[in-house]
Amino acid sequence: MGIEQTFINKFMRIFEIEKPKSPEQLRLDQLRANSKRASNALKMERNRQKMQRAQKALRSIRPVTSTN
């Protein structure tokens, strides 16, 4: 029986070893995840606006000419 117990513990997955999180810890995890998503969305929006400004500047420097 001792050998079987060692074998099971050696190959257990992490979620099988960890205790379930308390409601407070789950809430904190969710708040952290929301904060990270908002931060990433803000960074993406700033990059999008930066690209728009750069493209506008390029268009004003080099106007599009039509070839006929």
Protein backbone atom coordinates (compact mmCIF):
# COMPACT_ATOMS: atom_id res chain seq x y z
CA MET A 1 0.00 0.00 0.00
CA GLY A 2 2.88 2.39 0.72
CA ILE A 3 4.29 1.98 -2.79
CA GLU A 4 0.91 2.70 -4.41
CA GLN A 5 0.45 5.86 -2.30
CA THR A 6 3.89 7.18 -3.35
CA PHE A 7 3.12 6.46 -7.01
CA ILE A 8 -0.19 8.34 -6.87
CA ASN A 9 1.31 11.39 -5.12
CA LYS A 10 4.28 11.52 -7.47
CA PHE A 11 2.10 11.82 -10.56
CA MET A 12 -0.77 13.93 -9.26
CA ARG A 13 -1.66 17.04 -11.20
CA ILE A 14 -1.34 20.46 -9.61
CA PHE A 15 -5.11 21.10 -9.55
CA GLU A 16 -5.52 17.83 -7.66
CA ILE A 17 -3.07 18.98 -4.97
CA GLU A 18 -4.23 22.60 -4.52
CA LYS A 19 -7.08 23.43 -2.20
CA PRO A 20 -10.15 25.12 -3.68
CA LYS A 21 -9.94 28.91 -3.60
CA SER A 22 -12.10 30.91 -1.24
CA PRO A 23 -14.77 33.24 -2.67
CA GLU A 24 -12.59 36.22 -1.69
CA GLN A 25 -9.60 34.81 -3.57
CA LEU A 26 -11.75 34.04 -6.61
CA ARG A 27 -13.01 37.64 -6.59
CA LEU A 28 -9.45 38.98 -6.39
CA ASP A 29 -8.39 36.76 -9.28
CA GLN A 30 -11.32 38.01 -11.34
CA LEU A 31 -10.51 41.65 -10.56
CA ARG A 32 -6.88 41.08 -11.57
CA ALA A 33 -7.98 39.46 -14.83
CA ASN A 34 -10.35 42.36 -15.59
CA SER A 35 -7.60 44.86 -14.85
CA LYS A 36 -5.20 43.08 -17.16
CA ARG A 37 -7.80 42.93 -19.97
CA ALA A 38 -8.54 46.65 -19.59
CA SER A 39 -4.83 47.46 -19.62
CA ASN A 40 -4.31 45.44 -22.79
CA ALA A 41 -7.32 47.05 -24.47
CA LEU A 42 -5.99 50.51 -23.60
CA LYS A 43 -2.56 49.67 -25.00
CA MET A 44 -4.10 48.34 -28.23
CA GLU A 45 -6.29 51.44 -28.63
CA ARG A 46 -3.32 53.75 -28.11
CA ASN A 47 -1.35 51.83 -30.74
CA ARG A 48 -4.29 52.00 -33.16
CA GLN A 49 -4.57 55.76 -32.72
CA LYS A 50 -0.80 56.14 -33.10
CA MET A 51 -0.93 54.22 -36.39
CA GLN A 52 -3.81 56.38 -37.63
CA ARG A 53 -1.85 59.56 -36.87
CA ALA A 54 1.23 58.18 -38.64
CA GLN A 55 -0.80 57.21 -41.72
CA LYS A 56 -2.44 60.64 -41.79
CA ALA A 57 0.98 62.30 -41.58
CA LEU A 58 2.27 60.16 -44.45
CA ARG A 59 -0.77 61.03 -46.59
CA SER A 60 -0.26 64.74 -45.95
CA ILE A 61 3.44 64.53 -46.88
CA ARG A 62 2.89 62.44 -49.99
CA PRO A 63 -0.54 63.11 -51.47
CA VAL A 64 -2.04 60.29 -53.53
CA THR A 65 -1.81 61.03 -57.23
CA SER A 66 -3.98 59.28 -59.75
CA THR A 67 -2.38 57.94 -62.93
CA ASN A 68 -4.42 58.48 -66.10
